[in-house]
PDB file of all heavy atoms in Angstrom:
ATOM      1  N   GLU A   1       0.881  -1.190   0.029  1.00  0.00           N
ATOM      2  CA  GLU A   1       0.031  -0.018   0.015  1.00  0.00           C
ATOM      3  C   GLU A   1       0.916   1.273   0.009  1.00  0.00           C
ATOM      4  O   GLU A   1       0.473   2.263  -0.546  1.00  0.00           O
ATOM      5  CB  GLU A   1      -0.964  -0.039   1.241  1.00  0.00           C
ATOM      6  CG  GLU A   1      -0.328  -0.088   2.525  1.00  0.00           C
ATOM      7  CD  GLU A   1      -0.209  -1.516   2.989  1.00  0.00           C
ATOM      8  OE1 GLU A   1      -0.123  -2.441   2.149  1.00  0.00           O
ATOM      9  OE2 GLU A   1      -0.024  -1.727   4.220  1.00  0.00           O
ATOM     10  N   GLU A   2       2.048   1.181   0.611  1.00  0.00           N
ATOM     11  CA  GLU A   2       2.998   2.328   0.578  1.00  0.00           C
ATOM     12  C   GLU A   2       3.471   2.607  -0.826  1.00  0.00           C
ATOM     13  O   GLU A   2       3.435   3.698  -1.291  1.00  0.00           O
ATOM     14  CB  GLU A   2       4.122   2.064   1.502  1.00  0.00           C
ATOM     15  CG  GLU A   2       3.914   2.085   2.909  1.00  0.00           C
ATOM     16  CD  GLU A   2       5.160   1.755   3.704  1.00  0.00           C
ATOM     17  OE1 GLU A   2       6.120   1.168   3.215  1.00  0.00           O
ATOM     18  OE2 GLU A   2       5.145   2.038   4.980  1.00  0.00           O
ATOM     19  N   LEU A   3       3.814   1.478  -1.532  1.00  0.00           N
ATOM     20  CA  LEU A   3       4.310   1.698  -2.924  1.00  0.00           C
ATOM     21  C   LEU A   3       3.290   2.268  -3.876  1.00  0.00           C
ATOM     22  O   LEU A   3       3.496   3.137  -4.608  1.00  0.00           O
ATOM     23  CB  LEU A   3       4.874   0.330  -3.376  1.00  0.00           C
ATOM     24  CG  LEU A   3       5.514   0.322  -4.810  1.00  0.00           C
ATOM     25  CD1 LEU A   3       6.551   1.378  -4.905  1.00  0.00           C
ATOM     26  CD2 LEU A   3       5.977  -1.067  -5.094  1.00  0.00           C
ATOM     27  N   LEU A   4       2.047   1.724  -3.665  1.00  0.00           N
ATOM     28  CA  LEU A   4       0.966   2.234  -4.491  1.00  0.00           C
ATOM     29  C   LEU A   4       0.720   3.698  -4.269  1.00  0.00           C
ATOM     30  O   LEU A   4       0.356   4.536  -5.171  1.00  0.00           O
ATOM     31  CB  LEU A   4      -0.280   1.388  -4.337  1.00  0.00           C
ATOM     32  CG  LEU A   4      -1.407   1.593  -5.378  1.00  0.00           C
ATOM     33  CD1 LEU A   4      -0.891   1.207  -6.752  1.00  0.00           C
ATOM     34  CD2 LEU A   4      -2.536   0.606  -4.955  1.00  0.00           C
ATOM     35  N   GLU A   5       0.799   4.103  -2.977  1.00  0.00           N
ATOM     36  CA  GLU A   5       0.505   5.527  -2.611  1.00  0.00           C
ATOM     37  C   GLU A   5       1.593   6.415  -3.178  1.00  0.00           C
ATOM     38  O   GLU A   5       1.280   7.522  -3.720  1.00  0.00           O
ATOM     39  CB  GLU A   5       0.521   5.618  -1.059  1.00  0.00           C
ATOM     40  CG  GLU A   5       0.305   7.025  -0.501  1.00  0.00           C
ATOM     41  CD  GLU A   5      -1.122   7.472  -0.698  1.00  0.00           C
ATOM     42  OE1 GLU A   5      -2.013   6.664  -1.044  1.00  0.00           O
ATOM     43  OE2 GLU A   5      -1.383   8.728  -0.453  1.00  0.00           O
ATOM     44  N   ILE A   6       2.865   5.958  -3.144  1.00  0.00           N
ATOM     45  CA  ILE A   6       3.880   6.769  -3.603  1.00  0.00           C
ATOM     46  C   ILE A   6       3.806   6.858  -5.178  1.00  0.00           C
ATOM     47  O   ILE A   6       3.979   7.981  -5.707  1.00  0.00           O
ATOM     48  CB  ILE A   6       5.297   6.018  -3.326  1.00  0.00           C
ATOM     49  CG1 ILE A   6       5.618   6.086  -1.831  1.00  0.00           C
ATOM     50  CG2 ILE A   6       6.475   6.673  -4.087  1.00  0.00           C
ATOM     51  CD1 ILE A   6       6.642   5.141  -1.371  1.00  0.00           C
ATOM     52  N   LEU A   7       3.470   5.759  -5.849  1.00  0.00           N
ATOM     53  CA  LEU A   7       3.294   5.820  -7.382  1.00  0.00           C
ATOM     54  C   LEU A   7       2.110   6.635  -7.736  1.00  0.00           C
ATOM     55  O   LEU A   7       2.130   7.280  -8.916  1.00  0.00           O
ATOM     56  CB  LEU A   7       3.150   4.472  -7.892  1.00  0.00           C
ATOM     57  CG  LEU A   7       4.415   3.403  -7.703  1.00  0.00           C
ATOM     58  CD1 LEU A   7       4.039   2.008  -8.112  1.00  0.00           C
ATOM     59  CD2 LEU A   7       5.604   4.013  -8.485  1.00  0.00           C
ATOM     60  N   SER A   8       1.125   6.739  -6.911  1.00  0.00           N
ATOM     61  CA  SER A   8      -0.118   7.503  -7.235  1.00  0.00           C
ATOM     62  C   SER A   8       0.034   9.047  -6.934  1.00  0.00           C
ATOM     63  O   SER A   8      -0.455   9.839  -7.704  1.00  0.00           O
ATOM     64  CB  SER A   8      -1.359   6.978  -6.433  1.00  0.00           C
ATOM     65  OG  SER A   8      -1.580   5.609  -6.825  1.00  0.00           O
ATOM     66  N   ARG A   9       0.609   9.412  -5.765  1.00  0.00           N
ATOM     67  CA  ARG A   9       0.493  10.730  -5.245  1.00  0.00           C
ATOM     68  C   ARG A   9       1.871  11.452  -5.143  1.00  0.00           C
ATOM     69  O   ARG A   9       1.883  12.600  -5.485  1.00  0.00           O
ATOM     70  CB  ARG A   9      -0.129  10.625  -3.789  1.00  0.00           C
ATOM     71  CG  ARG A   9      -0.493  12.075  -3.252  1.00  0.00           C
ATOM     72  CD  ARG A   9      -1.296  11.868  -2.037  1.00  0.00           C
ATOM     73  NE  ARG A   9      -0.637  11.008  -0.988  1.00  0.00           N
ATOM     74  CZ  ARG A   9       0.245  11.536  -0.233  1.00  0.00           C
ATOM     75  NH1 ARG A   9       0.672  12.772  -0.178  1.00  0.00           N
ATOM     76  NH2 ARG A   9       0.821  10.677   0.622  1.00  0.00           N
ATOM     77  N   ILE A  10       2.886  10.682  -4.708  1.00  0.00           N
ATOM     78  CA  ILE A  10       4.197  11.325  -4.429  1.00  0.00           C
ATOM     79  C   ILE A  10       4.975  11.525  -5.760  1.00  0.00           C
ATOM     80  O   ILE A  10       5.678  12.479  -5.902  1.00  0.00           O
ATOM     81  CB  ILE A  10       4.998  10.523  -3.440  1.00  0.00           C
ATOM     82  CG1 ILE A  10       4.267  10.414  -2.117  1.00  0.00           C
ATOM     83  CG2 ILE A  10       6.355  11.167  -3.211  1.00  0.00           C
ATOM     84  CD1 ILE A  10       3.872  11.727  -1.424  1.00  0.00           C
ATOM     85  N   ASP A  11       4.822  10.573  -6.637  1.00  0.00           N
ATOM     86  CA  ASP A  11       5.552  10.705  -7.934  1.00  0.00           C
ATOM     87  C   ASP A  11       4.532  11.032  -9.049  1.00  0.00           C
ATOM     88  O   ASP A  11       3.976  10.088  -9.668  1.00  0.00           O
ATOM     89  CB  ASP A  11       6.220   9.345  -8.183  1.00  0.00           C
ATOM     90  CG  ASP A  11       7.202   9.435  -9.425  1.00  0.00           C
ATOM     91  OD1 ASP A  11       6.965  10.339 -10.265  1.00  0.00           O
ATOM     92  OD2 ASP A  11       8.170   8.563  -9.442  1.00  0.00           O
ATOM     93  N   PRO A  12       4.292  12.271  -9.315  1.00  0.00           N
ATOM     94  CA  PRO A  12       3.272  12.586 -10.355  1.00  0.00           C
ATOM     95  C   PRO A  12       3.650  12.095 -11.750  1.00  0.00           C
ATOM     96  O   PRO A  12       2.679  12.002 -12.520  1.00  0.00           O
ATOM     97  CB  PRO A  12       3.337  14.177 -10.361  1.00  0.00           C
ATOM     98  CG  PRO A  12       4.730  14.522  -9.805  1.00  0.00           C
ATOM     99  CD  PRO A  12       5.032  13.421  -8.898  1.00  0.00           C
ATOM    100  N   ASP A  13       4.917  11.806 -12.038  1.00  0.00           N
ATOM    101  CA  ASP A  13       5.230  11.401 -13.420  1.00  0.00           C
ATOM    102  C   ASP A  13       4.587  10.060 -13.746  1.00  0.00           C
ATOM    103  O   ASP A  13       4.245   9.807 -14.945  1.00  0.00           O
ATOM    104  CB  ASP A  13       6.767  11.168 -13.536  1.00  0.00           C
ATOM    105  CG  ASP A  13       7.520  12.553 -13.373  1.00  0.00           C
ATOM    106  OD1 ASP A  13       6.936  13.534 -13.496  1.00  0.00           O
ATOM    107  OD2 ASP A  13       8.719  12.461 -13.008  1.00  0.00           O
ATOM    108  N   VAL A  14       4.432   9.153 -12.786  1.00  0.00           N
ATOM    109  CA  VAL A  14       3.870   7.884 -13.094  1.00  0.00           C
ATOM    110  C   VAL A  14       2.362   8.007 -13.496  1.00  0.00           C
ATOM    111  O   VAL A  14       1.919   7.358 -14.413  1.00  0.00           O
ATOM    112  CB  VAL A  14       3.977   6.926 -11.800  1.00  0.00           C
ATOM    113  CG1 VAL A  14       3.283   5.557 -12.088  1.00  0.00           C
ATOM    114  CG2 VAL A  14       5.459   6.711 -11.474  1.00  0.00           C
ATOM    115  N   LEU A  15       1.604   8.804 -12.700  1.00  0.00           N
ATOM    116  CA  LEU A  15       0.226   8.887 -13.063  1.00  0.00           C
ATOM    117  C   LEU A  15      -0.003   9.732 -14.342  1.00  0.00           C
ATOM    118  O   LEU A  15      -0.843   9.329 -15.132  1.00  0.00           O
ATOM    119  CB  LEU A  15      -0.471   9.727 -11.909  1.00  0.00           C
ATOM    120  CG  LEU A  15      -2.010   9.692 -11.803  1.00  0.00           C
ATOM    121  CD1 LEU A  15      -2.532   8.258 -11.851  1.00  0.00           C
ATOM    122  CD2 LEU A  15      -2.612  10.394 -10.657  1.00  0.00           C
ATOM    123  N   LEU A  16       0.892  10.666 -14.586  1.00  0.00           N
ATOM    124  CA  LEU A  16       0.740  11.471 -15.856  1.00  0.00           C
ATOM    125  C   LEU A  16       1.072  10.513 -17.049  1.00  0.00           C
ATOM    126  O   LEU A  16       0.365  10.579 -18.001  1.00  0.00           O
ATOM    127  CB  LEU A  16       1.761  12.557 -15.828  1.00  0.00           C
ATOM    128  CG  LEU A  16       1.806  13.535 -17.026  1.00  0.00           C
ATOM    129  CD1 LEU A  16       0.443  14.213 -17.222  1.00  0.00           C
ATOM    130  CD2 LEU A  16       2.933  14.531 -16.913  1.00  0.00           C
ATOM    131  N   ASP A  17       2.087   9.664 -16.857  1.00  0.00           N
ATOM    132  CA  ASP A  17       2.374   8.636 -17.875  1.00  0.00           C
ATOM    133  C   ASP A  17       1.260   7.662 -18.138  1.00  0.00           C
ATOM    134  O   ASP A  17       0.902   7.377 -19.377  1.00  0.00           O
ATOM    135  CB  ASP A  17       3.697   7.895 -17.512  1.00  0.00           C
ATOM    136  CG  ASP A  17       4.164   6.865 -18.531  1.00  0.00           C
ATOM    137  OD1 ASP A  17       4.588   7.459 -19.594  1.00  0.00           O
ATOM    138  OD2 ASP A  17       4.043   5.740 -18.362  1.00  0.00           O
ATOM    139  N   PHE A  18       0.526   7.271 -17.172  1.00  0.00           N
ATOM    140  CA  PHE A  18      -0.642   6.366 -17.213  1.00  0.00           C
ATOM    141  C   PHE A  18      -1.793   7.162 -17.990  1.00  0.00           C
ATOM    142  O   PHE A  18      -2.395   6.544 -18.878  1.00  0.00           O
ATOM    143  CB  PHE A  18      -1.136   5.991 -15.816  1.00  0.00           C
ATOM    144  CG  PHE A  18      -2.454   5.348 -15.948  1.00  0.00           C
ATOM    145  CD1 PHE A  18      -2.708   4.140 -16.489  1.00  0.00           C
ATOM    146  CD2 PHE A  18      -3.609   6.004 -15.448  1.00  0.00           C
ATOM    147  CE1 PHE A  18      -4.024   3.549 -16.534  1.00  0.00           C
ATOM    148  CE2 PHE A  18      -4.914   5.503 -15.455  1.00  0.00           C
ATOM    149  CZ  PHE A  18      -5.079   4.243 -16.047  1.00  0.00           C
ATOM    150  N   ARG A  19      -1.968   8.464 -17.618  1.00  0.00           N
ATOM    151  CA  ARG A  19      -3.019   9.226 -18.383  1.00  0.00           C
ATOM    152  C   ARG A  19      -2.775   9.358 -19.796  1.00  0.00           C
ATOM    153  O   ARG A  19      -3.669   9.326 -20.697  1.00  0.00           O
ATOM    154  CB  ARG A  19      -3.267  10.510 -17.572  1.00  0.00           C
ATOM    155  CG  ARG A  19      -3.890  10.392 -16.267  1.00  0.00           C
ATOM    156  CD  ARG A  19      -3.849  11.716 -15.594  1.00  0.00           C
ATOM    157  NE  ARG A  19      -4.476  11.720 -14.256  1.00  0.00           N
ATOM    158  CZ  ARG A  19      -4.270  12.637 -13.189  1.00  0.00           C
ATOM    159  NH1 ARG A  19      -3.300  13.591 -13.495  1.00  0.00           N
ATOM    160  NH2 ARG A  19      -4.884  12.501 -12.094  1.00  0.00           N
ATOM    161  N   LYS A  20      -1.510   9.542 -20.156  1.00  0.00           N
ATOM    162  CA  LYS A  20      -1.071   9.777 -21.562  1.00  0.00           C
ATOM    163  C   LYS A  20      -1.365   8.484 -22.323  1.00  0.00           C
ATOM    164  O   LYS A  20      -1.727   8.416 -23.481  1.00  0.00           O
ATOM    165  CB  LYS A  20       0.251  10.166 -21.648  1.00  0.00           C
ATOM    166  CG  LYS A  20       0.545  11.622 -21.344  1.00  0.00           C
ATOM    167  CD  LYS A  20       2.068  12.047 -21.526  1.00  0.00           C
ATOM    168  CE  LYS A  20       2.208  13.456 -21.108  1.00  0.00           C
ATOM    169  NZ  LYS A  20       3.668  13.829 -21.302  1.00  0.00           N
ATOM    170  N   ALA A  21      -1.010   7.367 -21.632  1.00  0.00           N
ATOM    171  CA  ALA A  21      -1.099   6.013 -22.307  1.00  0.00           C
ATOM    172  C   ALA A  21      -2.562   5.522 -22.533  1.00  0.00           C
ATOM    173  O   ALA A  21      -2.888   4.758 -23.317  1.00  0.00           O
ATOM    174  CB  ALA A  21      -0.256   4.981 -21.584  1.00  0.00           C
ATOM    175  N   SER A  22      -3.425   6.079 -21.543  1.00  0.00           N
ATOM    176  CA  SER A  22      -4.817   5.614 -21.505  1.00  0.00           C
ATOM    177  C   SER A  22      -5.776   6.799 -21.452  1.00  0.00           C
ATOM    178  O   SER A  22      -6.453   7.045 -20.440  1.00  0.00           O
ATOM    179  CB  SER A  22      -5.079   4.622 -20.248  1.00  0.00           C
ATOM    180  OG  SER A  22      -4.124   3.591 -20.291  1.00  0.00           O
ATOM    181  N   PRO A  23      -5.761   7.569 -22.479  1.00  0.00           N
ATOM    182  CA  PRO A  23      -6.550   8.815 -22.467  1.00  0.00           C
ATOM    183  C   PRO A  23      -8.028   8.588 -22.331  1.00  0.00           C
ATOM    184  O   PRO A  23      -8.739   9.568 -21.876  1.00  0.00           O
ATOM    185  CB  PRO A  23      -6.220   9.507 -23.781  1.00  0.00           C
ATOM    186  CG  PRO A  23      -5.785   8.395 -24.708  1.00  0.00           C
ATOM    187  CD  PRO A  23      -5.107   7.385 -23.781  1.00  0.00           C
ATOM    188  N   LYS A  24      -8.526   7.458 -22.654  1.00  0.00           N
ATOM    189  CA  LYS A  24      -9.977   7.120 -22.628  1.00  0.00           C
ATOM    190  C   LYS A  24     -10.414   6.561 -21.278  1.00  0.00           C
ATOM    191  O   LYS A  24     -11.643   6.363 -21.083  1.00  0.00           O
ATOM    192  CB  LYS A  24     -10.405   6.252 -23.719  1.00  0.00           C
ATOM    193  CG  LYS A  24     -10.200   6.831 -25.243  1.00  0.00           C
ATOM    194  CD  LYS A  24     -10.709   6.011 -26.259  1.00  0.00           C
ATOM    195  CE  LYS A  24     -10.505   6.588 -27.589  1.00  0.00           C
ATOM    196  NZ  LYS A  24     -11.051   5.765 -28.792  1.00  0.00           N
ATOM    197  N   SER A  25      -9.466   6.315 -20.405  1.00  0.00           N
ATOM    198  CA  SER A  25      -9.788   5.829 -19.113  1.00  0.00           C
ATOM    199  C   SER A  25     -10.442   6.924 -18.192  1.00  0.00           C
ATOM    200  O   SER A  25     -10.233   8.031 -18.414  1.00  0.00           O
ATOM    201  CB  SER A  25      -8.549   5.316 -18.326  1.00  0.00           C
ATOM    202  OG  SER A  25      -7.975   4.122 -19.037  1.00  0.00           O
ATOM    203  N   PRO A  26     -11.361   6.462 -17.323  1.00  0.00           N
ATOM    204  CA  PRO A  26     -12.004   7.441 -16.434  1.00  0.00           C
ATOM    205  C   PRO A  26     -10.946   8.227 -15.676  1.00  0.00           C
ATOM    206  O   PRO A  26      -9.932   7.679 -15.240  1.00  0.00           O
ATOM    207  CB  PRO A  26     -12.838   6.613 -15.465  1.00  0.00           C
ATOM    208  CG  PRO A  26     -13.015   5.299 -16.190  1.00  0.00           C
ATOM    209  CD  PRO A  26     -11.910   5.058 -17.042  1.00  0.00           C
ATOM    210  N   ALA A  27     -11.265   9.505 -15.460  1.00  0.00           N
ATOM    211  CA  ALA A  27     -10.311  10.336 -14.700  1.00  0.00           C
ATOM    212  C   ALA A  27     -10.206   9.827 -13.260  1.00  0.00           C
ATOM    213  O   ALA A  27     -11.108   9.424 -12.594  1.00  0.00           O
ATOM    214  CB  ALA A  27     -10.960  11.772 -14.662  1.00  0.00           C
ATOM    215  N   THR A  28      -8.943   9.757 -12.821  1.00  0.00           N
ATOM    216  CA  THR A  28      -8.651   9.271 -11.554  1.00  0.00           C
ATOM    217  C   THR A  28      -7.405   9.979 -10.996  1.00  0.00           C
ATOM    218  O   THR A  28      -6.471  10.438 -11.775  1.00  0.00           O
ATOM    219  CB  THR A  28      -8.335   7.714 -11.559  1.00  0.00           C
ATOM    220  OG1 THR A  28      -7.985   7.259 -10.249  1.00  0.00           O
ATOM    221  CG2 THR A  28      -7.264   7.410 -12.495  1.00  0.00           C
ATOM    222  N   ASP A  29      -7.301  10.076  -9.662  1.00  0.00           N
ATOM    223  CA  ASP A  29      -6.216  10.722  -8.985  1.00  0.00           C
ATOM    224  C   ASP A  29      -5.244   9.656  -8.420  1.00  0.00           C
ATOM    225  O   ASP A  29      -4.317   9.921  -7.663  1.00  0.00           O
ATOM    226  CB  ASP A  29      -6.594  11.671  -7.888  1.00  0.00           C
ATOM    227  CG  ASP A  29      -7.445  11.089  -6.840  1.00  0.00           C
ATOM    228  OD1 ASP A  29      -7.727   9.936  -7.011  1.00  0.00           O
ATOM    229  OD2 ASP A  29      -7.723  11.881  -5.901  1.00  0.00           O
ATOM    230  N   ARG A  30      -5.569   8.375  -8.698  1.00  0.00           N
ATOM    231  CA  ARG A  30      -4.777   7.279  -8.168  1.00  0.00           C
ATOM    232  C   ARG A  30      -4.418   6.241  -9.361  1.00  0.00           C
ATOM    233  O   ARG A  30      -5.220   6.091 -10.165  1.00  0.00           O
ATOM    234  CB  ARG A  30      -5.364   6.542  -7.069  1.00  0.00           C
ATOM    235  CG  ARG A  30      -5.519   7.313  -5.783  1.00  0.00           C
ATOM    236  CD  ARG A  30      -6.187   6.460  -4.729  1.00  0.00           C
ATOM    237  NE  ARG A  30      -5.284   5.319  -4.306  1.00  0.00           N
ATOM    238  CZ  ARG A  30      -4.253   5.349  -3.512  1.00  0.00           C
ATOM    239  NH1 ARG A  30      -3.970   6.494  -2.974  1.00  0.00           N
ATOM    240  NH2 ARG A  30      -3.603   4.271  -3.213  1.00  0.00           N
ATOM    241  N   LEU A  31      -3.257   5.654  -9.247  1.00  0.00           N
ATOM    242  CA  LEU A  31      -2.956   4.656 -10.271  1.00  0.00           C
ATOM    243  C   LEU A  31      -3.953   3.477  -9.954  1.00  0.00           C
ATOM    244  O   LEU A  31      -3.946   2.933  -8.865  1.00  0.00           O
ATOM    245  CB  LEU A  31      -1.508   4.262 -10.072  1.00  0.00           C
ATOM    246  CG  LEU A  31      -0.927   3.238 -11.064  1.00  0.00           C
ATOM    247  CD1 LEU A  31      -0.708   3.898 -12.434  1.00  0.00           C
ATOM    248  CD2 LEU A  31       0.370   2.671 -10.478  1.00  0.00           C
ATOM    249  N   PRO A  32      -4.618   3.017 -10.995  1.00  0.00           N
ATOM    250  CA  PRO A  32      -5.585   1.951 -10.756  1.00  0.00           C
ATOM    251  C   PRO A  32      -4.806   0.699 -10.277  1.00  0.00           C
ATOM    252  O   PRO A  32      -3.725   0.301 -10.676  1.00  0.00           O
ATOM    253  CB  PRO A  32      -6.169   1.700 -12.160  1.00  0.00           C
ATOM    254  CG  PRO A  32      -5.961   2.963 -12.900  1.00  0.00           C
ATOM    255  CD  PRO A  32      -4.779   3.605 -12.329  1.00  0.00           C
ATOM    256  N   PHE A  33      -5.419   0.012  -9.314  1.00  0.00           N
ATOM    257  CA  PHE A  33      -4.744  -1.068  -8.646  1.00  0.00           C
ATOM    258  C   PHE A  33      -4.525  -2.224  -9.613  1.00  0.00           C
ATOM    259  O   PHE A  33      -3.449  -2.895  -9.527  1.00  0.00           O
ATOM    260  CB  PHE A  33      -5.658  -1.685  -7.464  1.00  0.00           C
ATOM    261  CG  PHE A  33      -5.014  -2.691  -6.747  1.00  0.00           C
ATOM    262  CD1 PHE A  33      -3.936  -2.469  -5.779  1.00  0.00           C
ATOM    263  CD2 PHE A  33      -5.329  -4.049  -6.988  1.00  0.00           C
ATOM    264  CE1 PHE A  33      -3.325  -3.545  -5.106  1.00  0.00           C
ATOM    265  CE2 PHE A  33      -4.712  -5.158  -6.248  1.00  0.00           C
ATOM    266  CZ  PHE A  33      -3.712  -4.864  -5.274  1.00  0.00           C
ATOM    267  N   VAL A  34      -5.318  -2.354 -10.643  1.00  0.00           N
ATOM    268  CA  VAL A  34      -5.152  -3.453 -11.593  1.00  0.00           C
ATOM    269  C   VAL A  34      -3.814  -3.261 -12.410  1.00  0.00           C
ATOM    270  O   VAL A  34      -3.182  -4.143 -12.788  1.00  0.00           O
ATOM    271  CB  VAL A  34      -6.366  -3.565 -12.590  1.00  0.00           C
ATOM    272  CG1 VAL A  34      -6.415  -2.339 -13.485  1.00  0.00           C
ATOM    273  CG2 VAL A  34      -6.292  -4.792 -13.418  1.00  0.00           C
ATOM    274  N   ILE A  35      -3.536  -1.959 -12.642  1.00  0.00           N
ATOM    275  CA  ILE A  35      -2.244  -1.675 -13.286  1.00  0.00           C
ATOM    276  C   ILE A  35      -1.038  -2.221 -12.493  1.00  0.00           C
ATOM    277  O   ILE A  35      -0.126  -2.804 -12.963  1.00  0.00           O
ATOM    278  CB  ILE A  35      -2.171  -0.167 -13.623  1.00  0.00           C
ATOM    279  CG1 ILE A  35      -3.259   0.275 -14.536  1.00  0.00           C
ATOM    280  CG2 ILE A  35      -0.806   0.106 -14.257  1.00  0.00           C
ATOM    281  CD1 ILE A  35      -3.264  -0.332 -15.819  1.00  0.00           C
ATOM    282  N   TRP A  36      -1.060  -1.900 -11.189  1.00  0.00           N
ATOM    283  CA  TRP A  36       0.040  -2.273 -10.271  1.00  0.00           C
ATOM    284  C   TRP A  36      -0.048  -3.915 -10.091  1.00  0.00           C
ATOM    285  O   TRP A  36       1.038  -4.513 -10.157  1.00  0.00           O
ATOM    286  CB  TRP A  36      -0.074  -1.586  -8.968  1.00  0.00           C
ATOM    287  CG  TRP A  36       0.632  -2.477  -7.884  1.00  0.00           C
ATOM    288  CD1 TRP A  36       0.046  -3.113  -6.798  1.00  0.00           C
ATOM    289  CD2 TRP A  36       2.030  -2.774  -7.798  1.00  0.00           C
ATOM    290  NE1 TRP A  36       1.028  -3.778  -6.000  1.00  0.00           N
ATOM    291  CE2 TRP A  36       2.277  -3.575  -6.641  1.00  0.00           C
ATOM    292  CE3 TRP A  36       3.164  -2.453  -8.544  1.00  0.00           C
ATOM    293  CZ2 TRP A  36       3.426  -3.986  -6.156  1.00  0.00           C
ATOM    294  CZ3 TRP A  36       4.498  -2.911  -8.110  1.00  0.00           C
ATOM    295  CH2 TRP A  36       4.449  -3.690  -6.921  1.00  0.00           C
ATOM    296  N   SER A  37      -1.221  -4.513  -9.946  1.00  0.00           N
ATOM    297  CA  SER A  37      -1.357  -5.909  -9.667  1.00  0.00           C
ATOM    298  C   SER A  37      -0.776  -6.740 -10.907  1.00  0.00           C
ATOM    299  O   SER A  37      -0.219  -7.802 -10.712  1.00  0.00           O
ATOM    300  CB  SER A  37      -2.699  -6.320  -9.361  1.00  0.00           C
ATOM    301  OG  SER A  37      -3.669  -6.085 -10.530  1.00  0.00           O
ATOM    302  N   ARG A  38      -0.989  -6.287 -12.141  1.00  0.00           N
ATOM    303  CA  ARG A  38      -0.377  -6.897 -13.269  1.00  0.00           C
ATOM    304  C   ARG A  38       1.081  -6.920 -13.200  1.00  0.00           C
ATOM    305  O   ARG A  38       1.699  -7.916 -13.494  1.00  0.00           O
ATOM    306  CB  ARG A  38      -0.883  -6.279 -14.578  1.00  0.00           C
ATOM    307  CG  ARG A  38      -2.328  -6.579 -14.939  1.00  0.00           C
ATOM    308  CD  ARG A  38      -2.725  -5.876 -16.281  1.00  0.00           C
ATOM    309  NE  ARG A  38      -1.724  -6.314 -17.398  1.00  0.00           N
ATOM    310  CZ  ARG A  38      -0.933  -5.457 -17.968  1.00  0.00           C
ATOM    311  NH1 ARG A  38      -0.952  -4.210 -17.646  1.00  0.00           N
ATOM    312  NH2 ARG A  38      -0.177  -5.881 -18.970  1.00  0.00           N
TER     313      ARG A  38
END
């Protein structure tokens, strides 16, 4: 849960990269758990 929080909130580059790669995904302020679980 710490790693997911860091990737979602502390490191904005990761979430920005996800939004660019998935522009049609619903707007979210956290990295979807399914992305990390894969």
